[in-house]
PDB file of all heavy atoms in Angstrom:
ATOM      1  N   GLY A   1      -7.705 -74.127-147.696  1.00  0.00           N
ATOM      2  CA  GLY A   1      -8.649 -74.970-146.976  1.00  0.00           C
ATOM      3  C   GLY A   1      -8.761 -76.394-147.479  1.00  0.00           C
ATOM      4  O   GLY A   1      -9.347 -77.248-146.798  1.00  0.00           O
ATOM      5  N   PHE A   2      -8.220 -76.666-148.674  1.00  0.00           N
ATOM      6  CA  PHE A   2      -8.309 -78.022-149.194  1.00  0.00           C
ATOM      7  C   PHE A   2      -7.299 -78.937-148.500  1.00  0.00           C
ATOM      8  O   PHE A   2      -6.274 -78.479-148.000  1.00  0.00           O
ATOM      9  CB  PHE A   2      -8.100 -78.023-150.713  1.00  0.00           C
ATOM     10  CG  PHE A   2      -9.349 -77.681-151.472  1.00  0.00           C
ATOM     11  CD1 PHE A   2      -9.673 -76.354-151.742  1.00  0.00           C
ATOM     12  CD2 PHE A   2     -10.219 -78.678-151.889  1.00  0.00           C
ATOM     13  CE1 PHE A   2     -10.832 -76.029-152.430  1.00  0.00           C
ATOM     14  CE2 PHE A   2     -11.382 -78.361-152.574  1.00  0.00           C
ATOM     15  CZ  PHE A   2     -11.689 -77.040-152.844  1.00  0.00           C
ATOM     16  N   PRO A   3      -7.573 -80.257-148.487  1.00  0.00           N
ATOM     17  CA  PRO A   3      -6.747 -81.174-147.703  1.00  0.00           C
ATOM     18  C   PRO A   3      -5.318 -81.306-148.225  1.00  0.00           C
ATOM     19  O   PRO A   3      -5.070 -81.311-149.437  1.00  0.00           O
ATOM     20  CB  PRO A   3      -7.482 -82.517-147.832  1.00  0.00           C
ATOM     21  CG  PRO A   3      -8.872 -82.171-148.240  1.00  0.00           C
ATOM     22  CD  PRO A   3      -8.752 -80.937-149.062  1.00  0.00           C
ATOM     23  N   ASN A   4      -4.403 -81.433-147.293  1.00  0.00           N
ATOM     24  CA  ASN A   4      -3.000 -81.750-147.555  1.00  0.00           C
ATOM     25  C   ASN A   4      -2.673 -82.943-146.659  1.00  0.00           C
ATOM     26  O   ASN A   4      -2.325 -82.792-145.490  1.00  0.00           O
ATOM     27  CB  ASN A   4      -2.110 -80.547-147.220  1.00  0.00           C
ATOM     28  CG  ASN A   4      -0.627 -80.856-147.403  1.00  0.00           C
ATOM     29  OD1 ASN A   4      -0.264 -81.859-148.028  1.00  0.00           O
ATOM     30  ND2 ASN A   4       0.220 -80.010-146.843  1.00  0.00           N
ATOM     31  N   ILE A   5      -2.828 -84.143-147.221  1.00  0.00           N
ATOM     32  CA  ILE A   5      -2.827 -85.370-146.425  1.00  0.00           C
ATOM     33  C   ILE A   5      -1.611 -86.216-146.789  1.00  0.00           C
ATOM     34  O   ILE A   5      -1.229 -86.309-147.958  1.00  0.00           O
ATOM     35  CB  ILE A   5      -4.118 -86.176-146.678  1.00  0.00           C
ATOM     36  CG1 ILE A   5      -5.348 -85.311-146.399  1.00  0.00           C
ATOM     37  CG2 ILE A   5      -4.156 -87.435-145.820  1.00  0.00           C
ATOM     38  CD1 ILE A   5      -6.639 -85.927-146.900  1.00  0.00           C
ATOM     39  N   TYR A   6      -1.030 -86.864-145.779  1.00  0.00           N
ATOM     40  CA  TYR A   6       0.107 -87.757-146.017  1.00  0.00           C
ATOM     41  C   TYR A   6      -0.095 -89.039-145.212  1.00  0.00           C
ATOM     42  O   TYR A   6      -0.294 -88.999-143.993  1.00  0.00           O
ATOM     43  CB  TYR A   6       1.421 -87.100-145.601  1.00  0.00           C
ATOM     44  CG  TYR A   6       2.644 -87.944-145.890  1.00  0.00           C
ATOM     45  CD1 TYR A   6       3.183 -87.998-147.170  1.00  0.00           C
ATOM     46  CD2 TYR A   6       3.244 -88.704-144.882  1.00  0.00           C
ATOM     47  CE1 TYR A   6       4.295 -88.777-147.444  1.00  0.00           C
ATOM     48  CE2 TYR A   6       4.366 -89.475-145.152  1.00  0.00           C
ATOM     49  CZ  TYR A   6       4.883 -89.516-146.431  1.00  0.00           C
ATOM     50  OH  TYR A   6       5.980 -90.287-146.701  1.00  0.00           O
ATOM     51  N   ILE A   7      -0.051 -90.189-145.907  1.00  0.00           N
ATOM     52  CA  ILE A   7      -0.184 -91.490-145.263  1.00  0.00           C
ATOM     53  C   ILE A   7       1.208 -91.986-144.886  1.00  0.00           C
ATOM     54  O   ILE A   7       2.044 -92.247-145.761  1.00  0.00           O
ATOM     55  CB  ILE A   7      -0.885 -92.502-146.193  1.00  0.00           C
ATOM     56  CG1 ILE A   7      -2.296 -92.016-146.520  1.00  0.00           C
ATOM     57  CG2 ILE A   7      -0.917 -93.891-145.551  1.00  0.00           C
ATOM     58  CD1 ILE A   7      -3.016 -92.861-147.551  1.00  0.00           C
ATOM     59  N   ASN A   8       1.454 -92.092-143.606  1.00  0.00           N
ATOM     60  CA  ASN A   8       2.769 -92.531-143.141  1.00  0.00           C
ATOM     61  C   ASN A   8       3.006 -94.011-143.462  1.00  0.00           C
ATOM     62  O   ASN A   8       2.081 -94.820-143.452  1.00  0.00           O
ATOM     63  CB  ASN A   8       2.887 -92.313-141.623  1.00  0.00           C
ATOM     64  CG  ASN A   8       2.854 -90.848-141.257  1.00  0.00           C
ATOM     65  OD1 ASN A   8       3.570 -90.039-141.823  1.00  0.00           O
ATOM     66  ND2 ASN A   8       1.996 -90.490-140.293  1.00  0.00           N
ATOM     67  N   ASN A   9       4.249 -94.355-143.762  1.00  0.00           N
ATOM     68  CA  ASN A   9       4.667 -95.750-143.994  1.00  0.00           C
ATOM     69  C   ASN A   9       3.894 -96.416-145.128  1.00  0.00           C
ATOM     70  O   ASN A   9       3.616 -97.622-145.080  1.00  0.00           O
ATOM     71  CB  ASN A   9       4.512 -96.585-142.716  1.00  0.00           C
ATOM     72  CG  ASN A   9       5.238 -95.965-141.541  1.00  0.00           C
ATOM     73  OD1 ASN A   9       6.381 -95.533-141.663  1.00  0.00           O
ATOM     74  ND2 ASN A   9       4.577 -95.919-140.390  1.00  0.00           N
ATOM     75  N   ALA A  10       3.564 -95.655-146.165  1.00  0.00           N
ATOM     76  CA  ALA A  10       2.721 -96.184-147.239  1.00  0.00           C
ATOM     77  C   ALA A  10       3.368 -97.382-147.942  1.00  0.00           C
ATOM     78  O   ALA A  10       2.685 -98.371-148.256  1.00  0.00           O
ATOM     79  CB  ALA A  10       2.426 -95.075-148.250  1.00  0.00           C
ATOM     80  N   GLN A  11       4.674 -97.332-148.193  1.00  0.00           N
ATOM     81  CA  GLN A  11       5.325 -98.434-148.909  1.00  0.00           C
ATOM     82  C   GLN A  11       5.324 -99.725-148.104  1.00  0.00           C
ATOM     83  O   GLN A  11       5.309-100.811-148.680  1.00  0.00           O
ATOM     84  CB  GLN A  11       6.752 -98.042-149.283  1.00  0.00           C
ATOM     85  CG  GLN A  11       6.826 -96.966-150.348  1.00  0.00           C
ATOM     86  CD  GLN A  11       8.022 -97.162-151.275  1.00  0.00           C
ATOM     87  OE1 GLN A  11       8.787 -98.104-151.122  1.00  0.00           O
ATOM     88  NE2 GLN A  11       8.165 -96.267-152.234  1.00  0.00           N
ATOM     89  N   GLU A  12       5.297 -99.611-146.788  1.00  0.00           N
ATOM     90  CA  GLU A  12       5.301-100.802-145.940  1.00  0.00           C
ATOM     91  C   GLU A  12       3.953-101.510-145.922  1.00  0.00           C
ATOM     92  O   GLU A  12       3.826-102.600-145.356  1.00  0.00           O
ATOM     93  CB  GLU A  12       5.707-100.424-144.510  1.00  0.00           C
ATOM     94  CG  GLU A  12       7.130 -99.864-144.421  1.00  0.00           C
ATOM     95  CD  GLU A  12       7.471 -99.384-143.031  1.00  0.00           C
ATOM     96  OE1 GLU A  12       6.729 -99.722-142.081  1.00  0.00           O
ATOM     97  OE2 GLU A  12       8.487 -98.675-142.886  1.00  0.00           O
ATOM     98  N   LEU A  13       2.944-100.927-146.543  1.00  0.00           N
ATOM     99  CA  LEU A  13       1.614-101.525-146.558  1.00  0.00           C
ATOM    100  C   LEU A  13       1.455-102.560-147.667  1.00  0.00           C
ATOM    101  O   LEU A  13       0.444-103.279-147.690  1.00  0.00           O
ATOM    102  CB  LEU A  13       0.544-100.439-146.733  1.00  0.00           C
ATOM    103  CG  LEU A  13       0.463 -99.383-145.622  1.00  0.00           C
ATOM    104  CD1 LEU A  13      -0.588 -98.334-145.973  1.00  0.00           C
ATOM    105  CD2 LEU A  13       0.137-100.024-144.280  1.00  0.00           C
ATOM    106  N   ARG A  14       2.410-102.666-148.551  1.00  0.00           N
ATOM    107  CA  ARG A  14       2.288-103.623-149.654  1.00  0.00           C
ATOM    108  C   ARG A  14       2.150-105.050-149.117  1.00  0.00           C
ATOM    109  O   ARG A  14       2.934-105.498-148.299  1.00  0.00           O
ATOM    110  CB  ARG A  14       3.505-103.534-150.572  1.00  0.00           C
ATOM    111  CG  ARG A  14       3.591-102.206-151.310  1.00  0.00           C
ATOM    112  CD  ARG A  14       4.817-102.123-152.183  1.00  0.00           C
ATOM    113  NE  ARG A  14       4.873-100.847-152.902  1.00  0.00           N
ATOM    114  CZ  ARG A  14       5.849-100.499-153.739  1.00  0.00           C
ATOM    115  NH1 ARG A  14       6.848-101.349-153.963  1.00  0.00           N
ATOM    116  NH2 ARG A  14       5.807 -99.329-154.350  1.00  0.00           N
ATOM    117  N   GLY A  15       1.108-105.724-149.605  1.00  0.00           N
ATOM    118  CA  GLY A  15       0.868-107.099-149.183  1.00  0.00           C
ATOM    119  C   GLY A  15       0.246-107.233-147.803  1.00  0.00           C
ATOM    120  O   GLY A  15       0.076-108.350-147.305  1.00  0.00           O
ATOM    121  N   GLN A  16      -0.152-106.117-147.192  1.00  0.00           N
ATOM    122  CA  GLN A  16      -0.718-106.139-145.837  1.00  0.00           C
ATOM    123  C   GLN A  16      -2.240-105.939-145.878  1.00  0.00           C
ATOM    124  O   GLN A  16      -2.789-105.399-146.834  1.00  0.00           O
ATOM    125  CB  GLN A  16      -0.088-105.028-144.990  1.00  0.00           C
ATOM    126  CG  GLN A  16       1.433-105.098-144.899  1.00  0.00           C
ATOM    127  CD  GLN A  16       1.904-106.351-144.206  1.00  0.00           C
ATOM    128  OE1 GLN A  16       1.408-106.716-143.156  1.00  0.00           O
ATOM    129  NE2 GLN A  16       2.877-107.027-144.819  1.00  0.00           N
ATOM    130  N   HIS A  17      -2.887-106.385-144.815  1.00  0.00           N
ATOM    131  CA  HIS A  17      -4.321-106.160-144.660  1.00  0.00           C
ATOM    132  C   HIS A  17      -4.518-104.795-144.005  1.00  0.00           C
ATOM    133  O   HIS A  17      -3.958-104.514-142.943  1.00  0.00           O
ATOM    134  CB  HIS A  17      -4.949-107.255-143.808  1.00  0.00           C
ATOM    135  CG  HIS A  17      -4.815-108.622-144.387  1.00  0.00           C
ATOM    136  ND1 HIS A  17      -5.560-109.053-145.467  1.00  0.00           N
ATOM    137  CD2 HIS A  17      -3.987-109.658-144.053  1.00  0.00           C
ATOM    138  CE1 HIS A  17      -5.223-110.294-145.767  1.00  0.00           C
ATOM    139  NE2 HIS A  17      -4.268-110.690-144.935  1.00  0.00           N
ATOM    140  N   VAL A  18      -5.309-103.955-144.645  1.00  0.00           N
ATOM    141  CA  VAL A  18      -5.435-102.557-144.219  1.00  0.00           C
ATOM    142  C   VAL A  18      -6.910-102.230-143.983  1.00  0.00           C
ATOM    143  O   VAL A  18      -7.797-102.702-144.709  1.00  0.00           O
ATOM    144  CB  VAL A  18      -4.845-101.613-145.287  1.00  0.00           C
ATOM    145  CG1 VAL A  18      -5.122-100.148-144.943  1.00  0.00           C
ATOM    146  CG2 VAL A  18      -3.337-101.846-145.416  1.00  0.00           C
ATOM    147  N   ALA A  19      -7.154-101.418-142.957  1.00  0.00           N
ATOM    148  CA  ALA A  19      -8.514-100.969-142.659  1.00  0.00           C
ATOM    149  C   ALA A  19      -8.487 -99.480-142.343  1.00  0.00           C
ATOM    150  O   ALA A  19      -7.462 -98.942-141.911  1.00  0.00           O
ATOM    151  CB  ALA A  19      -9.100-101.749-141.491  1.00  0.00           C
ATOM    152  N   PHE A  20      -9.637 -98.831-142.552  1.00  0.00           N
ATOM    153  CA  PHE A  20      -9.777 -97.416-142.212  1.00  0.00           C
ATOM    154  C   PHE A  20     -11.064 -97.230-141.437  1.00  0.00           C
ATOM    155  O   PHE A  20     -12.140 -97.663-141.873  1.00  0.00           O
ATOM    156  CB  PHE A  20      -9.797 -96.548-143.473  1.00  0.00           C
ATOM    157  CG  PHE A  20      -9.888 -95.071-143.193  1.00  0.00           C
ATOM    158  CD1 PHE A  20      -8.769 -94.357-142.775  1.00  0.00           C
ATOM    159  CD2 PHE A  20     -11.093 -94.387-143.323  1.00  0.00           C
ATOM    160  CE1 PHE A  20      -8.847 -92.995-142.505  1.00  0.00           C
ATOM    161  CE2 PHE A  20     -11.186 -93.035-143.059  1.00  0.00           C
ATOM    162  CZ  PHE A  20     -10.051 -92.333-142.643  1.00  0.00           C
ATOM    163  N   LEU A  21     -10.964 -96.578-140.271  1.00  0.00           N
ATOM    164  CA  LEU A  21     -12.121 -96.274-139.434  1.00  0.00           C
ATOM    165  C   LEU A  21     -12.554 -94.842-139.728  1.00  0.00           C
ATOM    166  O   LEU A  21     -11.827 -93.889-139.444  1.00  0.00           O
ATOM    167  CB  LEU A  21     -11.767 -96.441-137.957  1.00  0.00           C
ATOM    168  CG  LEU A  21     -12.849 -96.091-136.931  1.00  0.00           C
ATOM    169  CD1 LEU A  21     -14.098 -96.942-137.135  1.00  0.00           C
ATOM    170  CD2 LEU A  21     -12.309 -96.267-135.515  1.00  0.00           C
ATOM    171  N   ALA A  22     -13.752 -94.700-140.295  1.00  0.00           N
ATOM    172  CA  ALA A  22     -14.230 -93.404-140.771  1.00  0.00           C
ATOM    173  C   ALA A  22     -15.352 -92.863-139.897  1.00  0.00           C
ATOM    174  O   ALA A  22     -16.046 -93.606-139.194  1.00  0.00           O
ATOM    175  CB  ALA A  22     -14.717 -93.531-142.222  1.00  0.00           C
ATOM    176  N   SER A  23     -15.540 -91.554-139.972  1.00  0.00           N
ATOM    177  CA  SER A  23     -16.673 -90.892-139.332  1.00  0.00           C
ATOM    178  C   SER A  23     -17.155 -89.788-140.260  1.00  0.00           C
ATOM    179  O   SER A  23     -16.494 -88.765-140.404  1.00  0.00           O
ATOM    180  CB  SER A  23     -16.274 -90.303-137.974  1.00  0.00           C
ATOM    181  OG  SER A  23     -17.358 -89.588-137.410  1.00  0.00           O
ATOM    182  N   PHE A  24     -18.305 -90.020-140.880  1.00  0.00           N
ATOM    183  CA  PHE A  24     -18.893 -89.018-141.765  1.00  0.00           C
ATOM    184  C   PHE A  24     -19.860 -88.163-140.949  1.00  0.00           C
ATOM    185  O   PHE A  24     -21.063 -88.123-141.194  1.00  0.00           O
ATOM    186  CB  PHE A  24     -19.609 -89.689-142.934  1.00  0.00           C
ATOM    187  CG  PHE A  24     -18.693 -90.348-143.938  1.00  0.00           C
ATOM    188  CD1 PHE A  24     -19.212 -91.016-145.038  1.00  0.00           C
ATOM    189  CD2 PHE A  24     -17.318 -90.301-143.788  1.00  0.00           C
ATOM    190  CE1 PHE A  24     -18.384 -91.614-145.970  1.00  0.00           C
ATOM    191  CE2 PHE A  24     -16.470 -90.908-144.715  1.00  0.00           C
ATOM    192  CZ  PHE A  24     -17.005 -91.565-145.805  1.00  0.00           C
ATOM    193  N   SER A  25     -19.328 -87.465-139.963  1.00  0.00           N
ATOM    194  CA  SER A  25     -20.150 -86.713-139.019  1.00  0.00           C
ATOM    195  C   SER A  25     -20.736 -85.442-139.619  1.00  0.00           C
ATOM    196  O   SER A  25     -21.692 -84.887-139.088  1.00  0.00           O
ATOM    197  CB  SER A  25     -19.327 -86.370-137.776  1.00  0.00           C
ATOM    198  OG  SER A  25     -18.161 -85.639-138.133  1.00  0.00           O
ATOM    199  N   SER A  26     -20.154 -84.952-140.701  1.00  0.00           N
ATOM    200  CA  SER A  26     -20.688 -83.790-141.400  1.00  0.00           C
ATOM    201  C   SER A  26     -20.198 -83.835-142.838  1.00  0.00           C
ATOM    202  O   SER A  26     -19.220 -84.516-143.163  1.00  0.00           O
ATOM    203  CB  SER A  26     -20.226 -82.484-140.732  1.00  0.00           C
ATOM    204  OG  SER A  26     -18.833 -82.291-140.920  1.00  0.00           O
ATOM    205  N   THR A  27     -20.872 -83.081-143.701  1.00  0.00           N
ATOM    206  CA  THR A  27     -20.456 -83.072-145.103  1.00  0.00           C
ATOM    207  C   THR A  27     -19.053 -82.514-145.263  1.00  0.00           C
ATOM    208  O   THR A  27     -18.337 -82.862-146.202  1.00  0.00           O
ATOM    209  CB  THR A  27     -21.434 -82.238-145.942  1.00  0.00           C
ATOM    210  OG1 THR A  27     -21.535 -80.910-145.370  1.00  0.00           O
ATOM    211  CG2 THR A  27     -22.820 -82.865-145.947  1.00  0.00           C
ATOM    212  N   GLY A  28     -18.624 -81.667-144.338  1.00  0.00           N
ATOM    213  CA  GLY A  28     -17.325 -81.016-144.444  1.00  0.00           C
ATOM    214  C   GLY A  28     -16.132 -81.928-144.246  1.00  0.00           C
ATOM    215  O   GLY A  28     -15.009 -81.555-144.602  1.00  0.00           O
ATOM    216  N   VAL A  29     -16.347 -83.127-143.683  1.00  0.00           N
ATOM    217  CA  VAL A  29     -15.210 -84.028-143.431  1.00  0.00           C
ATOM    218  C   VAL A  29     -15.201 -85.242-144.363  1.00  0.00           C
ATOM    219  O   VAL A  29     -14.294 -86.068-144.290  1.00  0.00           O
ATOM    220  CB  VAL A  29     -15.193 -84.506-141.965  1.00  0.00           C
ATOM    221  CG1 VAL A  29     -15.076 -83.327-141.014  1.00  0.00           C
ATOM    222  CG2 VAL A  29     -16.430 -85.337-141.629  1.00  0.00           C
ATOM    223  N   ILE A  30     -16.198 -85.341-145.222  1.00  0.00           N
ATOM    224  CA  ILE A  30     -16.284 -86.532-146.072  1.00  0.00           C
ATOM    225  C   ILE A  30     -15.223 -86.520-147.162  1.00  0.00           C
ATOM    226  O   ILE A  30     -14.577 -87.538-147.435  1.00  0.00           O
ATOM    227  CB  ILE A  30     -17.697 -86.656-146.676  1.00  0.00           C
ATOM    228  CG1 ILE A  30     -18.715 -86.950-145.567  1.00  0.00           C
ATOM    229  CG2 ILE A  30     -17.744 -87.755-147.738  1.00  0.00           C
ATOM    230  CD1 ILE A  30     -20.151 -87.034-146.046  1.00  0.00           C
ATOM    231  N   PHE A  31     -14.996 -85.360-147.803  1.00  0.00           N
ATOM    232  CA  PHE A  31     -14.080 -85.314-148.949  1.00  0.00           C
ATOM    233  C   PHE A  31     -12.672 -85.750-148.560  1.00  0.00           C
ATOM    234  O   PHE A  31     -12.040 -86.561-149.256  1.00  0.00           O
ATOM    235  CB  PHE A  31     -14.050 -83.903-149.543  1.00  0.00           C
ATOM    236  CG  PHE A  31     -13.054 -83.747-150.666  1.00  0.00           C
ATOM    237  CD1 PHE A  31     -13.285 -84.309-151.905  1.00  0.00           C
ATOM    238  CD2 PHE A  31     -11.869 -83.048-150.468  1.00  0.00           C
ATOM    239  CE1 PHE A  31     -12.366 -84.180-152.939  1.00  0.00           C
ATOM    240  CE2 PHE A  31     -10.949 -82.911-151.488  1.00  0.00           C
ATOM    241  CZ  PHE A  31     -11.189 -83.474-152.730  1.00  0.00           C
ATOM    242  N   GLU A  32     -12.149 -85.248-147.452  1.00  0.00           N
ATOM    243  CA  GLU A  32     -10.779 -85.597-147.080  1.00  0.00           C
ATOM    244  C   GLU A  32     -10.664 -87.077-146.727  1.00  0.00           C
ATOM    245  O   GLU A  32      -9.647 -87.718-147.023  1.00  0.00           O
ATOM    246  CB  GLU A  32     -10.283 -84.722-145.930  1.00  0.00           C
ATOM    247  CG  GLU A  32     -11.123 -84.756-144.677  1.00  0.00           C
ATOM    248  CD  GLU A  32     -10.687 -83.697-143.670  1.00  0.00           C
ATOM    249  OE1 GLU A  32      -9.479 -83.471-143.526  1.00  0.00           O
ATOM    250  OE2 GLU A  32     -11.579 -83.089-143.027  1.00  0.00           O
ATOM    251  N   GLN A  33     -11.701 -87.635-146.129  1.00  0.00           N
ATOM    252  CA  GLN A  33     -11.639 -89.063-145.829  1.00  0.00           C
ATOM    253  C   GLN A  33     -11.745 -89.908-147.096  1.00  0.00           C
ATOM    254  O   GLN A  33     -11.056 -90.921-147.232  1.00  0.00           O
ATOM    255  CB  GLN A  33     -12.740 -89.436-144.836  1.00  0.00           C
ATOM    256  CG  GLN A  33     -12.497 -88.868-143.444  1.00  0.00           C
ATOM    257  CD  GLN A  33     -13.597 -89.220-142.474  1.00  0.00           C
ATOM    258  OE1 GLN A  33     -13.629 -90.311-141.918  1.00  0.00           O
ATOM    259  NE2 GLN A  33     -14.519 -88.279-142.263  1.00  0.00           N
ATOM    260  N   LEU A  34     -12.618 -89.502-148.008  1.00  0.00           N
ATOM    261  CA  LEU A  34     -12.714 -90.233-149.270  1.00  0.00           C
ATOM    262  C   LEU A  34     -11.390 -90.221-150.027  1.00  0.00           C
ATOM    263  O   LEU A  34     -11.026 -91.199-150.692  1.00  0.00           O
ATOM    264  CB  LEU A  34     -13.812 -89.635-150.153  1.00  0.00           C
ATOM    265  CG  LEU A  34     -15.252 -90.033-149.832  1.00  0.00           C
ATOM    266  CD1 LEU A  34     -16.207 -89.319-150.773  1.00  0.00           C
ATOM    267  CD2 LEU A  34     -15.445 -91.547-149.921  1.00  0.00           C
ATOM    268  N   SER A  35     -10.646 -89.127-149.913  1.00  0.00           N
ATOM    269  CA  SER A  35      -9.349 -89.046-150.582  1.00  0.00           C
ATOM    270  C   SER A  35      -8.420 -90.146-150.093  1.00  0.00           C
ATOM    271  O   SER A  35      -7.676 -90.759-150.878  1.00  0.00           O
ATOM    272  CB  SER A  35      -8.717 -87.668-150.324  1.00  0.00           C
ATOM    273  OG  SER A  35      -9.547 -86.631-150.810  1.00  0.00           O
ATOM    274  N   VAL A  36      -8.464 -90.419-148.791  1.00  0.00           N
ATOM    275  CA  VAL A  36      -7.652 -91.494-148.213  1.00  0.00           C
ATOM    276  C   VAL A  36      -8.238 -92.858-148.551  1.00  0.00           C
ATOM    277  O   VAL A  36      -7.508 -93.790-148.933  1.00  0.00           O
ATOM    278  CB  VAL A  36      -7.557 -91.320-146.679  1.00  0.00           C
ATOM    279  CG1 VAL A  36      -6.923 -92.544-146.026  1.00  0.00           C
ATOM    280  CG2 VAL A  36      -6.767 -90.067-146.340  1.00  0.00           C
ATOM    281  N   ILE A  37      -9.554 -92.974-148.439  1.00  0.00           N
ATOM    282  CA  ILE A  37     -10.227 -94.250-148.697  1.00  0.00           C
ATOM    283  C   ILE A  37     -10.002 -94.714-150.131  1.00  0.00           C
ATOM    284  O   ILE A  37      -9.838 -95.913-150.401  1.00  0.00           O
ATOM    285  CB  ILE A  37     -11.737 -94.102-148.403  1.00  0.00           C
ATOM    286  CG1 ILE A  37     -11.963 -93.943-146.894  1.00  0.00           C
ATOM    287  CG2 ILE A  37     -12.538 -95.282-148.944  1.00  0.00           C
ATOM    288  CD1 ILE A  37     -13.351 -93.436-146.528  1.00  0.00           C
ATOM    289  N   TYR A  38      -9.964 -93.776-151.078  1.00  0.00           N
ATOM    290  CA  TYR A  38      -9.734 -94.141-152.476  1.00  0.00           C
ATOM    291  C   TYR A  38      -8.280 -94.519-152.744  1.00  0.00           C
ATOM    292  O   TYR A  38      -7.991 -95.250-153.694  1.00  0.00           O
ATOM    293  CB  TYR A  38     -10.119 -92.972-153.396  1.00  0.00           C
ATOM    294  CG  TYR A  38     -11.609 -92.798-153.623  1.00  0.00           C
ATOM    295  CD1 TYR A  38     -12.557 -93.520-152.901  1.00  0.00           C
ATOM    296  CD2 TYR A  38     -12.077 -91.904-154.567  1.00  0.00           C
ATOM    297  CE1 TYR A  38     -13.911 -93.351-153.103  1.00  0.00           C
ATOM    298  CE2 TYR A  38     -13.439 -91.723-154.790  1.00  0.00           C
ATOM    299  CZ  TYR A  38     -14.352 -92.444-154.052  1.00  0.00           C
ATOM    300  OH  TYR A  38     -15.694 -92.272-154.266  1.00  0.00           O
ATOM    301  N   LEU A  39      -7.351 -94.024-151.916  1.00  0.00           N
ATOM    302  CA  LEU A  39      -5.937 -94.313-152.157  1.00  0.00           C
ATOM    303  C   LEU A  39      -5.474 -95.616-151.524  1.00  0.00           C
ATOM    304  O   LEU A  39      -4.707 -96.367-152.139  1.00  0.00           O
ATOM    305  CB  LEU A  39      -5.064 -93.162-151.636  1.00  0.00           C
ATOM    306  CG  LEU A  39      -3.545 -93.387-151.780  1.00  0.00           C
ATOM    307  CD1 LEU A  39      -3.162 -93.551-153.261  1.00  0.00           C
ATOM    308  CD2 LEU A  39      -2.770 -92.239-151.155  1.00  0.00           C
TER     309      LEU A  39
END
């Protein structure tokens, strides 16, 4: 049940402006989004 997440084209993001649109609609979806937000 724990997240298995992969950010596509991660190396191409170097030097780029990046944004993430989040939805903390329940406690159950916050952890997986934070994992991406922290990376």
